C-alpha atoms as a PDB file:
ATOM      1  CA  MET A   1       0.000   0.000   0.000  1.00  0.00           C
ATOM      2  CA  ALA A   2       2.809   2.391   0.835  1.00  0.00           C
ATOM      3  CA  LEU A   3       4.338   1.773  -2.614  1.00  0.00           C
ATOM      4  CA  GLN A   4       0.994   2.405  -4.311  1.00  0.00           C
ATOM      5  CA  LYS A   5       0.599   5.714  -2.477  1.00  0.00           C
ATOM      6  CA  GLN A   6       4.078   6.777  -3.496  1.00  0.00           C
ATOM      7  CA  LEU A   7       3.351   5.899  -7.138  1.00  0.00           C
ATOM      8  CA  CYS A   8       0.077   7.883  -7.010  1.00  0.00           C
ATOM      9  CA  VAL A   9       1.849  10.907  -5.545  1.00  0.00           C
ATOM     10  CA  ILE A  10       4.514  10.726  -8.260  1.00  0.00           C
ATOM     11  CA  PHE A  11       1.845  10.334 -10.979  1.00  0.00           C
ATOM     12  CA  PHE A  12      -0.243  13.308  -9.844  1.00  0.00           C
ATOM     13  CA  SER A  13       2.895  15.394  -9.415  1.00  0.00           C
ATOM     14  CA  LEU A  14       3.884  14.676 -13.008  1.00  0.00           C
ATOM     15  CA  VAL A  15       0.382  15.527 -14.255  1.00  0.00           C
ATOM     16  CA  LEU A  16       0.363  18.835 -12.380  1.00  0.00           C
ATOM     17  CA  ASN A  17       3.811  19.753 -13.665  1.00  0.00           C
ATOM     18  CA  MET A  18       2.835  18.899 -17.236  1.00  0.00           C
ATOM     19  CA  SER A  19      -0.385  20.927 -17.036  1.00  0.00           C
ATOM     20  CA  ALA A  20       1.477  23.838 -15.495  1.00  0.00           C
ATOM     21  CA  ALA A  21       3.868  23.845 -18.444  1.00  0.00           C
ATOM     22  CA  VAL A  22       1.176  23.863 -21.131  1.00  0.00           C
ATOM     23  CA  ILE A  23       0.510  26.976 -23.269  1.00  0.00           C
ATOM     24  CA  THR A  24      -3.166  27.519 -24.070  1.00  0.00           C
ATOM     25  CA  CYS A  25      -4.264  29.861 -26.900  1.00  0.00           C
ATOM     26  CA  THR A  26      -7.632  31.045 -28.099  1.00  0.00           C
ATOM     27  CA  GLN A  27      -8.741  29.943 -31.592  1.00  0.00           C
ATOM     28  CA  GLN A  28     -11.024  32.378 -33.409  1.00  0.00           C
ATOM     29  CA  SER A  29     -13.114  32.685 -36.556  1.00  0.00           C
ATOM     30  CA  VAL A  30     -14.605  35.927 -37.908  1.00  0.00           C
ATOM     31  CA  SER A  31     -16.517  37.109 -40.978  1.00  0.00           C
ATOM     32  CA  THR A  32     -16.531  40.542 -42.613  1.00  0.00           C
ATOM     33  CA  SER A  33     -16.622  42.195 -46.034  1.00  0.00           C
ATOM     34  CA  VAL A  34     -14.461  44.577 -48.043  1.00  0.00           C
ATOM     35  CA  GLY A  35     -14.930  48.170 -46.933  1.00  0.00           C
ATOM     36  CA  GLN A  36     -15.039  47.223 -43.258  1.00  0.00           C
ATOM     37  CA  ARG A  37     -12.187  46.724 -40.848  1.00  0.00           C
ATOM     38  CA  ILE A  38     -12.593  44.075 -38.181  1.00  0.00           C
ATOM     39  CA  ALA A  39     -10.555  43.934 -34.966  1.00  0.00           C
ATOM     40  CA  VAL A  40      -9.963  40.600 -33.263  1.00  0.00           C
ATOM     41  CA  GLY A  41      -8.466  40.088 -29.812  1.00  0.00           C
ATOM     42  CA  GLY A  42      -6.919  36.773 -28.802  1.00  0.00           C
ATOM     43  CA  SER A  43      -4.603  35.558 -26.055  1.00  0.00           C
ATOM     44  CA  CYS A  44      -2.244  32.782 -25.011  1.00  0.00           C
ATOM     45  CA  ALA A  45      -1.761  31.763 -21.365  1.00  0.00           C
ATOM     46  CA  LEU A  46       1.852  30.921 -20.597  1.00  0.00           C
ATOM     47  CA  PRO A  47       3.044  28.129 -18.277  1.00  0.00           C
ATOM     48  CA  VAL A  48       2.570  28.918 -14.589  1.00  0.00           C
ATOM     49  CA  GLU A  49       6.259  28.437 -13.851  1.00  0.00           C
ATOM     50  CA  GLY A  50       7.125  31.097 -16.431  1.00  0.00           C
ATOM     51  CA  CYS A  51       9.481  31.200 -19.387  1.00  0.00           C
ATOM     52  CA  THR A  52      13.223  31.760 -19.425  1.00  0.00           C
ATOM     53  CA  SER A  53      12.908  32.565 -23.139  1.00  0.00           C
ATOM     54  CA  LEU A  54       9.831  33.443 -25.159  1.00  0.00           C
ATOM     55  CA  SER A  55       9.201  34.086 -28.835  1.00  0.00           C
ATOM     56  CA  VAL A  56       6.115  34.798 -30.922  1.00  0.00           C
ATOM     57  CA  GLY A  57       6.196  34.576 -34.686  1.00  0.00           C
ATOM     58  CA  GLY A  58       4.327  33.488 -37.749  1.00  0.00           C
ATOM     59  CA  ALA A  59       3.490  34.399 -41.293  1.00  0.00           C
ATOM     60  CA  VAL A  60       3.952  38.085 -42.064  1.00  0.00           C
ATOM     61  CA  LEU A  61       0.657  39.971 -42.165  1.00  0.00           C
ATOM     62  CA  ASP A  62       1.060  42.755 -44.728  1.00  0.00           C
ATOM     63  CA  ASN A  63      -0.945  45.940 -44.269  1.00  0.00           C
ATOM     64  CA  TRP A  64      -0.773  46.727 -48.004  1.00  0.00           C
ATOM     65  CA  ALA A  65      -0.126  44.032 -50.591  1.00  0.00           C
ATOM     66  CA  PRO A  66      -1.780  42.501 -53.679  1.00  0.00           C
ATOM     67  CA  LYS A  67      -3.660  39.994 -51.519  1.00  0.00           C
ATOM     68  CA  PRO A  68      -7.392  39.492 -50.790  1.00  0.00           C
ATOM     69  CA  ILE A  69      -6.903  39.947 -47.011  1.00  0.00           C
ATOM     70  CA  VAL A  70      -4.371  42.206 -45.324  1.00  0.00           C
ATOM     71  CA  GLY A  71      -4.013  43.635 -41.840  1.00  0.00           C
ATOM     72  CA  LYS A  72      -1.732  44.192 -38.891  1.00  0.00           C
ATOM     73  CA  TYR A  73      -0.774  42.475 -35.635  1.00  0.00           C
ATOM     74  CA  SER A  74      -0.226  43.909 -32.177  1.00  0.00           C
ATOM     75  CA  ILE A  75       1.433  41.547 -29.670  1.00  0.00           C
ATOM     76  CA  GLU A  76       1.736  42.436 -25.975  1.00  0.00           C
ATOM     77  CA  LEU A  77       3.026  40.454 -22.995  1.00  0.00           C
ATOM     78  CA  ALA A  78       0.736  41.132 -20.031  1.00  0.00           C
ATOM     79  CA  THR A  79       1.918  41.071 -16.414  1.00  0.00           C
ATOM     80  CA  THR A  80      -0.476  38.179 -15.721  1.00  0.00           C
ATOM     81  CA  GLY A  81       1.622  35.782 -17.780  1.00  0.00           C
ATOM     82  CA  THR A  82      -0.616  36.129 -20.810  1.00  0.00           C
ATOM     83  CA  ILE A  83       0.266  37.139 -24.346  1.00  0.00           C
ATOM     84  CA  LYS A  84      -2.347  39.374 -25.947  1.00  0.00           C
ATOM     85  CA  ILE A  85      -2.551  39.042 -29.734  1.00  0.00           C
ATOM     86  CA  SER A  86      -4.658  41.745 -31.393  1.00  0.00           C
ATOM     87  CA  CYS A  87      -5.346  41.706 -35.131  1.00  0.00           C
ATOM     88  CA  THR A  88      -7.071  44.079 -37.520  1.00  0.00           C
ATOM     89  CA  PHE A  89      -8.101  42.808 -40.944  1.00  0.00           C
ATOM     90  CA  TRP A  90      -9.435  44.397 -44.123  1.00  0.00           C
ATOM     91  CA  GLY A  91      -9.690  43.288 -47.739  1.00  0.00           C
ATOM     92  CA  PHE A  92      -9.520  44.324 -51.402  1.00  0.00           C
ATOM     93  CA  ASP A  93     -12.252  43.699 -53.965  1.00  0.00           C
ATOM     94  CA  ASN A  94      -9.915  43.580 -56.946  1.00  0.00           C
ATOM     95  CA  MET A  95      -7.734  40.970 -55.237  1.00  0.00           C
ATOM     96  CA  ILE A  96     -10.719  38.706 -54.478  1.00  0.00           C
ATOM     97  CA  GLY A  97     -11.458  38.817 -58.192  1.00  0.00           C
ATOM     98  CA  ASP A  98     -14.394  36.826 -59.544  1.00  0.00           C
ATOM     99  CA  ARG A  99     -14.966  34.972 -56.265  1.00  0.00           C
ATOM    100  CA  GLU A 100     -17.694  36.010 -53.841  1.00  0.00           C
ATOM    101  CA  GLU A 101     -15.459  35.566 -50.787  1.00  0.00           C
ATOM    102  CA  VAL A 102     -12.162  34.142 -49.581  1.00  0.00           C
ATOM    103  CA  THR A 103     -11.247  32.383 -46.331  1.00  0.00           C
ATOM    104  CA  GLN A 104      -7.771  32.418 -44.850  1.00  0.00           C
ATOM    105  CA  THR A 105      -6.265  31.342 -41.528  1.00  0.00           C
ATOM    106  CA  PHE A 106      -3.569  33.480 -39.914  1.00  0.00           C
ATOM    107  CA  THR A 107      -1.305  31.733 -37.421  1.00  0.00           C
ATOM    108  CA  GLN A 108       1.046  32.869 -34.684  1.00  0.00           C
ATOM    109  CA  LEU A 109       3.443  30.388 -33.067  1.00  0.00           C
ATOM    110  CA  VAL A 110       4.203  30.881 -29.366  1.00  0.00           C
ATOM    111  CA  ASN A 111       7.413  29.217 -28.181  1.00  0.00           C
ATOM    112  CA  CYS A 112       8.382  29.066 -24.495  1.00  0.00           C
ATOM    113  CA  THR A 113      11.362  27.538 -22.709  1.00  0.00           C
ATOM    114  CA  THR A 114      10.285  26.924 -19.113  1.00  0.00           C
ATOM    115  CA  THR A 115      12.433  27.247 -16.029  1.00  0.00           C
ATOM    116  CA  GLY A 116      12.696  23.466 -16.124  1.00  0.00           C
ATOM    117  CA  ASN A 117      14.265  23.771 -19.597  1.00  0.00           C
ATOM    118  CA  VAL A 118      11.188  22.293 -21.279  1.00  0.00           C
ATOM    119  CA  GLN A 119      10.276  23.503 -24.775  1.00  0.00           C
ATOM    120  CA  GLU A 120       6.587  24.335 -25.111  1.00  0.00           C
ATOM    121  CA  THR A 121       4.868  25.554 -28.294  1.00  0.00           C
ATOM    122  CA  GLN A 122       1.312  26.425 -29.213  1.00  0.00           C
ATOM    123  CA  LEU A 123      -0.504  27.919 -32.207  1.00  0.00           C
ATOM    124  CA  SER A 124      -2.909  30.847 -32.096  1.00  0.00           C
ATOM    125  CA  ASN A 125      -5.151  30.708 -35.170  1.00  0.00           C
ATOM    126  CA  THR A 126      -7.514  33.346 -36.506  1.00  0.00           C
ATOM    127  CA  THR A 127      -9.653  32.344 -39.485  1.00  0.00           C
ATOM    128  CA  VAL A 128     -11.035  35.249 -41.530  1.00  0.00           C
ATOM    129  CA  ARG A 129     -13.802  34.999 -44.100  1.00  0.00           C
ATOM    130  CA  MET A 130     -13.740  38.091 -46.321  1.00  0.00           C
ATOM    131  CA  GLY A 131     -16.658  38.767 -48.658  1.00  0.00           C
ATOM    132  CA  LYS A 132     -16.740  41.251 -51.521  1.00  0.00           C
ATOM    133  CA  SER A 133     -18.391  44.623 -51.034  1.00  0.00           C
ATOM    134  CA  THR A 134     -22.050  44.959 -51.928  1.00  0.00           C
ATOM    135  CA  THR A 135     -21.600  47.443 -54.790  1.00  0.00           C
ATOM    136  CA  ASN A 136     -20.244  46.737 -58.267  1.00  0.00           C
ATOM    137  CA  ALA A 137     -17.892  49.725 -58.435  1.00  0.00           C
ATOM    138  CA  VAL A 138     -14.392  48.922 -59.681  1.00  0.00           C
ATOM    139  CA  ALA A 139     -10.914  50.329 -59.224  1.00  0.00           C
ATOM    140  CA  LEU A 140      -9.633  53.216 -61.307  1.00  0.00           C
ATOM    141  CA  LYS A 141      -6.694  52.714 -63.645  1.00  0.00           C
ATOM    142  CA  PRO A 142      -3.608  54.516 -62.299  1.00  0.00           C
ATOM    143  CA  PRO A 143      -1.192  56.260 -64.668  1.00  0.00           C
ATOM    144  CA  ALA A 144       2.210  54.704 -65.296  1.00  0.00           C
ATOM    145  CA  SER A 145       3.866  57.675 -63.555  1.00  0.00           C
ATOM    146  CA  ILE A 146       3.195  61.257 -62.477  1.00  0.00           C
ATOM    147  CA  PRO A 147       4.787  63.904 -64.708  1.00  0.00           C
ATOM    148  CA  VAL A 148       6.411  66.827 -62.890  1.00  0.00           C
ATOM    149  CA  VAL A 149       8.395  69.272 -65.044  1.00  0.00           C
ATOM    150  CA  CYS A 150      10.289  71.431 -62.521  1.00  0.00           C
ATOM    151  CA  LEU A 151       9.669  72.784 -59.013  1.00  0.00           C
ATOM    152  CA  VAL A 152      11.016  75.836 -57.203  1.00  0.00           C
ATOM    153  CA  ALA A 153      12.797  75.287 -53.880  1.00  0.00           C
ATOM    154  CA  ASP A 154      10.820  76.240 -50.745  1.00  0.00           C
ATOM    155  CA  GLU A 155       7.628  76.924 -52.710  1.00  0.00           C
ATOM    156  CA  GLU A 156       4.455  74.831 -52.660  1.00  0.00           C
ATOM    157  CA  SER A 157       3.368  73.379 -55.984  1.00  0.00           C
ATOM    158  CA  ARG A 158       0.172  71.520 -56.788  1.00  0.00           C
ATOM    159  CA  VAL A 159       0.509  68.497 -59.065  1.00  0.00           C
ATOM    160  CA  LEU A 160      -2.629  67.005 -60.609  1.00  0.00           C
ATOM    161  CA  VAL A 161      -2.782  63.201 -60.950  1.00  0.00           C
ATOM    162  CA  ASN A 162      -5.462  61.805 -63.260  1.00  0.00           C
ATOM    163  CA  PHE A 163      -6.612  58.172 -63.133  1.00  0.00           C
ATOM    164  CA  GLY A 164      -8.232  56.364 -66.025  1.00  0.00           C
ATOM    165  CA  THR A 165     -11.827  55.174 -66.458  1.00  0.00           C
ATOM    166  CA  PRO A 166     -11.421  52.988 -69.544  1.00  0.00           C
ATOM    167  CA  ASN A 167     -14.807  51.244 -69.336  1.00  0.00           C
ATOM    168  CA  ALA A 168     -17.554  53.748 -70.079  1.00  0.00           C
ATOM    169  CA  SER A 169     -20.266  51.439 -68.751  1.00  0.00           C
ATOM    170  CA  ALA A 170     -18.520  50.696 -65.419  1.00  0.00           C
ATOM    171  CA  GLN A 171     -19.010  52.455 -62.105  1.00  0.00           C
ATOM    172  CA  TYR A 172     -15.705  53.503 -60.533  1.00  0.00           C
ATOM    173  CA  ARG A 173     -14.684  54.025 -56.930  1.00  0.00           C
ATOM    174  CA  SER A 174     -13.767  57.538 -55.830  1.00  0.00           C
ATOM    175  CA  LEU A 175     -10.236  58.082 -54.567  1.00  0.00           C
ATOM    176  CA  SER A 176      -9.854  58.661 -50.825  1.00  0.00           C
ATOM    177  CA  THR A 177      -7.821  61.758 -50.003  1.00  0.00           C
ATOM    178  CA  GLY A 178      -7.330  64.157 -47.096  1.00  0.00           C
ATOM    179  CA  TRP A 179      -3.936  63.175 -45.684  1.00  0.00           C
ATOM    180  CA  LYS A 180      -1.809  66.093 -44.431  1.00  0.00           C
ATOM    181  CA  TYR A 181       1.782  66.293 -43.257  1.00  0.00           C
ATOM    182  CA  ASN A 182       2.157  65.065 -39.650  1.00  0.00           C
ATOM    183  CA  ASP A 183      -1.107  63.091 -39.878  1.00  0.00           C
ATOM    184  CA  GLU A 184      -1.049  59.439 -38.934  1.00  0.00           C
ATOM    185  CA  LEU A 185      -0.711  57.307 -42.046  1.00  0.00           C
ATOM    186  CA  PRO A 186      -4.150  56.010 -43.105  1.00  0.00           C
ATOM    187  CA  LEU A 187      -4.731  52.308 -43.721  1.00  0.00           C
ATOM    188  CA  VAL A 188      -6.824  52.367 -46.894  1.00  0.00           C
ATOM    189  CA  ALA A 189      -6.824  56.001 -48.073  1.00  0.00           C
ATOM    190  CA  SER A 190      -4.203  57.617 -50.322  1.00  0.00           C
ATOM    191  CA  ARG A 191      -0.971  58.197 -48.425  1.00  0.00           C
ATOM    192  CA  PRO A 192       2.754  58.925 -48.921  1.00  0.00           C
ATOM    193  CA  LEU A 193       5.191  56.065 -49.415  1.00  0.00           C
ATOM    194  CA  SER A 194       8.696  57.441 -49.957  1.00  0.00           C
ATOM    195  CA  ALA A 195      10.836  60.256 -51.327  1.00  0.00           C
ATOM    196  CA  TRP A 196      14.249  60.257 -52.973  1.00  0.00           C
ATOM    197  CA  ARG A 197      16.649  63.130 -53.636  1.00  0.00           C
ATOM    198  CA  ARG A 198      19.862  63.288 -55.636  1.00  0.00           C
ATOM    199  CA  ALA A 199      22.278  66.209 -55.529  1.00  0.00           C
ATOM    200  CA  ALA A 200      25.643  66.676 -57.204  1.00  0.00           C
ATOM    201  CA  ASP A 201      27.532  64.974 -54.374  1.00  0.00           C
ATOM    202  CA  SER A 202      24.919  62.986 -52.431  1.00  0.00           C
ATOM    203  CA  THR A 203      21.816  60.813 -52.564  1.00  0.00           C
ATOM    204  CA  ALA A 204      19.221  60.494 -49.817  1.00  0.00           C
ATOM    205  CA  SER A 205      15.900  58.736 -49.319  1.00  0.00           C
ATOM    206  CA  TRP A 206      13.063  58.875 -46.799  1.00  0.00           C
ATOM    207  CA  ASP A 207      10.151  56.610 -45.912  1.00  0.00           C
ATOM    208  CA  ALA A 208       6.534  57.711 -45.501  1.00  0.00           C
ATOM    209  CA  GLY A 209       6.973  58.862 -41.916  1.00  0.00           C
ATOM    210  CA  SER A 210      10.173  60.852 -42.380  1.00  0.00           C
ATOM    211  CA  GLN A 211       9.694  62.479 -45.791  1.00  0.00           C
ATOM    212  CA  ARG A 212       8.905  66.210 -45.800  1.00  0.00           C
ATOM    213  CA  ILE A 213       8.448  67.135 -49.452  1.00  0.00           C
ATOM    214  CA  LEU A 214       4.862  65.862 -49.768  1.00  0.00           C
ATOM    215  CA  ARG A 215       2.710  68.207 -47.671  1.00  0.00           C
ATOM    216  CA  SER A 216      -0.771  66.880 -48.423  1.00  0.00           C
ATOM    217  CA  ILE A 217      -2.880  64.727 -50.730  1.00  0.00           C
ATOM    218  CA  GLU A 218      -6.033  66.564 -51.738  1.00  0.00           C
ATOM    219  CA  ALA A 219      -9.110  65.826 -53.811  1.00  0.00           C
ATOM    220  CA  GLY A 220      -8.822  66.614 -57.498  1.00  0.00           C
ATOM    221  CA  PRO A 221     -11.393  68.337 -59.709  1.00  0.00           C
ATOM    222  CA  ASN A 222     -13.254  65.004 -60.054  1.00  0.00           C
ATOM    223  CA  SER A 223     -13.529  61.667 -58.250  1.00  0.00           C
ATOM    224  CA  SER A 224     -10.913  60.061 -60.516  1.00  0.00           C
ATOM    225  CA  SER A 225      -8.117  62.488 -59.703  1.00  0.00           C
ATOM    226  CA  LEU A 226      -6.095  63.752 -56.787  1.00  0.00           C
ATOM    227  CA  VAL A 227      -3.652  66.593 -56.143  1.00  0.00           C
ATOM    228  CA  LEU A 228      -0.204  66.283 -54.588  1.00  0.00           C
ATOM    229  CA  VAL A 229       0.978  69.387 -52.741  1.00  0.00           C
ATOM    230  CA  LEU A 230       4.783  69.327 -52.937  1.00  0.00           C
ATOM    231  CA  LYS A 231       7.243  71.646 -51.236  1.00  0.00           C
ATOM    232  CA  PRO A 232      10.918  70.767 -51.695  1.00  0.00           C
ATOM    233  CA  SER A 233      12.800  72.471 -48.877  1.00  0.00           C
ATOM    234  CA  ILE A 234      16.421  72.859 -49.971  1.00  0.00           C
ATOM    235  CA  SER A 235      19.019  75.395 -48.882  1.00  0.00           C
ATOM    236  CA  GLN A 236      20.241  77.832 -51.491  1.00  0.00           C
ATOM    237  CA  THR A 237      23.774  76.678 -50.695  1.00  0.00           C
ATOM    238  CA  ALA A 238      22.865  73.209 -51.959  1.00  0.00           C
ATOM    239  CA  LEU A 239      21.417  74.686 -55.139  1.00  0.00           C
ATOM    240  CA  ARG A 240      24.159  77.175 -55.921  1.00  0.00           C
ATOM    241  CA  GLY A 241      26.544  75.962 -58.568  1.00  0.00           C
ATOM    242  CA  SER A 242      25.079  72.454 -58.646  1.00  0.00           C
ATOM    243  CA  GLY A 243      22.485  72.870 -61.352  1.00  0.00           C
ATOM    244  CA  GLY A 244      19.810  72.037 -58.776  1.00  0.00           C
ATOM    245  CA  VAL A 245      18.823  68.692 -57.367  1.00  0.00           C
ATOM    246  CA  SER A 246      16.543  65.902 -58.559  1.00  0.00           C
ATOM    247  CA  TRP A 247      13.589  64.476 -56.640  1.00  0.00           C
ATOM    248  CA  LYS A 248      11.236  61.524 -56.925  1.00  0.00           C
ATOM    249  CA  VAL A 249       8.138  61.103 -54.743  1.00  0.00           C
ATOM    250  CA  CYS A 250       6.028  57.953 -54.390  1.00  0.00           C
ATOM    251  CA  ILE A 251       2.545  57.484 -52.959  1.00  0.00           C
ATOM    252  CA  ILE A 252       0.057  54.662 -52.476  1.00  0.00           C
ATOM    253  CA  PRO A 253      -3.347  55.604 -53.916  1.00  0.00           C
ATOM    254  CA  GLY A 254      -6.401  54.300 -52.134  1.00  0.00           C
ATOM    255  CA  ASP A 255     -10.166  54.222 -52.436  1.00  0.00           C
ATOM    256  CA  GLY A 256     -10.973  52.126 -49.368  1.00  0.00           C
ATOM    257  CA  TYR A 257     -11.945  49.032 -51.373  1.00  0.00           C
ATOM    258  CA  ASN A 258      -9.167  48.156 -53.818  1.00  0.00           C
ATOM    259  CA  TYR A 259      -5.451  47.515 -53.923  1.00  0.00           C
ATOM    260  CA  TYR A 260      -3.305  49.978 -55.878  1.00  0.00           C
ATOM    261  CA  PRO A 261       0.438  49.576 -56.468  1.00  0.00           C
ATOM    262  CA  GLU A 262       2.838  52.361 -55.602  1.00  0.00           C
ATOM    263  CA  LEU A 263       2.689  55.354 -57.913  1.00  0.00           C
ATOM    264  CA  CYS A 264       5.718  57.606 -58.352  1.00  0.00           C
ATOM    265  CA  THR A 265       6.491  60.904 -59.987  1.00  0.00           C
ATOM    266  CA  GLU A 266       8.984  61.033 -62.769  1.00  0.00           C
ATOM    267  CA  THR A 267      12.346  62.312 -61.555  1.00  0.00           C
ATOM    268  CA  PHE A 268      12.103  66.106 -61.622  1.00  0.00           C
ATOM    269  CA  PRO A 269      14.550  68.979 -61.021  1.00  0.00           C
ATOM    270  CA  VAL A 270      14.271  71.519 -58.211  1.00  0.00           C
ATOM    271  CA  LEU A 271      15.826  74.908 -58.922  1.00  0.00           C
ATOM    272  CA  GLY A 272      16.177  78.195 -57.108  1.00  0.00           C
ATOM    273  CA  SER A 273      13.623  80.260 -59.059  1.00  0.00           C
ATOM    274  CA  GLN A 274      10.769  80.012 -61.510  1.00  0.00           C
ATOM    275  CA  ALA A 275      12.899  81.738 -64.117  1.00  0.00           C
ATOM    276  CA  GLU A 276      15.442  78.916 -63.896  1.00  0.00           C
ATOM    277  CA  CYS A 277      12.659  76.342 -64.236  1.00  0.00           C
ATOM    278  CA  ASP A 278      11.246  78.171 -67.271  1.00  0.00           C
ATOM    279  CA  ALA A 279      14.668  78.260 -68.893  1.00  0.00           C
ATOM    280  CA  THR A 280      15.122  74.491 -68.546  1.00  0.00           C
ATOM    281  CA  SER A 281      11.572  73.333 -69.319  1.00  0.00           C
ATOM    282  CA  PRO A 282      11.001  71.174 -72.428  1.00  0.00           C
ATOM    283  CA  THR A 283       9.185  74.053 -74.147  1.00  0.00           C
ATOM    284  CA  SER A 284      12.068  76.457 -73.577  1.00  0.00           C
ATOM    285  CA  GLY A 285      15.815  75.972 -73.924  1.00  0.00           C
ATOM    286  CA  ALA A 286      16.453  76.750 -77.597  1.00  0.00           C
ATOM    287  CA  ALA A 287      13.006  78.317 -77.944  1.00  0.00           C
ATOM    288  CA  PRO A 288      14.060  81.815 -76.793  1.00  0.00           C
ATOM    289  CA  LEU A 289      16.624  81.895 -79.560  1.00  0.00           C
ATOM    290  CA  ARG A 290      14.043  80.958 -82.178  1.00  0.00           C
ATOM    291  CA  LYS A 291      11.299  83.255 -80.955  1.00  0.00           C
ATOM    292  CA  PRO A 292      12.441  86.497 -82.709  1.00  0.00           C
ATOM    293  CA  VAL A 293      12.825  84.609 -85.997  1.00  0.00           C
ATOM    294  CA  ALA A 294       9.335  83.142 -85.692  1.00  0.00           C
ATOM    295  CA  GLN A 295       7.866  86.541 -84.892  1.00  0.00           C
ATOM    296  CA  LEU A 296       9.613  88.057 -87.928  1.00  0.00           C
ATOM    297  CA  LEU A 297       8.214  85.345 -90.209  1.00  0.00           C
ATOM    298  CA  VAL A 298       4.692  85.898 -88.899  1.00  0.00           C
ATOM    299  CA  MET A 299       4.943  89.674 -89.362  1.00  0.00           C
ATOM    300  CA  THR A 300       6.291  89.196 -92.895  1.00  0.00           C
ATOM    301  CA  PHE A 301       3.418  86.890 -93.765  1.00  0.00           C
ATOM    302  CA  VAL A 302       0.855  89.366 -92.398  1.00  0.00           C
ATOM    303  CA  VAL A 303       2.374  92.210 -94.411  1.00  0.00           C
ATOM    304  CA  PHE A 304       2.356  90.037 -97.520  1.00  0.00           C
ATOM    305  CA  CYS A 305      -1.333  89.194 -97.044  1.00  0.00           C
ATOM    306  CA  LEU A 306      -2.296  92.832 -96.510  1.00  0.00           C
ATOM    307  CA  ALA A 307      -0.374  93.862 -99.606  1.00  0.00           C
ATOM    308  CA  SER A 308      -2.132  91.208-101.685  1.00  0.00           C
ATOM    309  CA  MET A 309      -5.541  92.322-100.458  1.00  0.00           C
ATOM    310  CA  ARG A 310      -4.780  95.943-101.435  1.00  0.00           C
ATOM    311  CA  GLN A 311      -3.690  94.877-104.906  1.00  0.00           C
ATOM    312  CA  GLU A 312      -6.980  92.996-105.407  1.00  0.00           C
ATOM    313  CA  LYS A 313      -8.883  96.144-104.565  1.00  0.00           C
END
């Protein structure tokens, strides 16, 4: 009997230790449709004895990509020995395509090494069913690039960007605008992406949060256009004697329902004055030299016509 009691004590001790070392995670399933963002909160309870090392990882959840479902994770270790896993999901009509809906499971792997040097792992799964939006409006066709001829340093310039509506019988989504410098970057509306500058002796680049040349993205004259307000801030010392600098600015257009790839300006010069820009624009250059000759030819032709009319009289 004494041996049996000892075996029972050992057995229950092992069971308690095993259960104390188990990670338990919530498993969730949600449904939504394009045009709506859905937030999901999950959690994983860690072993009671704690973890000497802990890692959480899984498939990358892109917040903007040519995929039917995108989103973002937020992972937080609570003081109660629980990992909080928060997710926000949204979708794109043009990436769902001809299907009515798509279903995808997003997984996070929790890995814990206990104080007893035991490896414990568990999966936290969130299954998302994303349906298409209820309207039949489609995405606009973005231009290949945004033409910008020349900008003046430290002056705001407004650049119009027109999108295409190639199907006359289709209904198109309106572009979402309104972002301003220092605003938080929107998730599905038009927003900055990057900026690049090249001078005579240096090259520099900035991401969406650190760039300063794009000041706002405003609504255009119609729902298929937008306006970029650009202000290249460059010291006159950098401009002097260098022939100016070159810039390129990229944005991500958005209408709240569809995926758009990045859209960039053509590389454009920034000079110290409008006169310098005018002198280097495609319609100038050699044109000032030809202008007096053209005017003389026109005047000669007018005189010739008047003389002919007088002779007819």
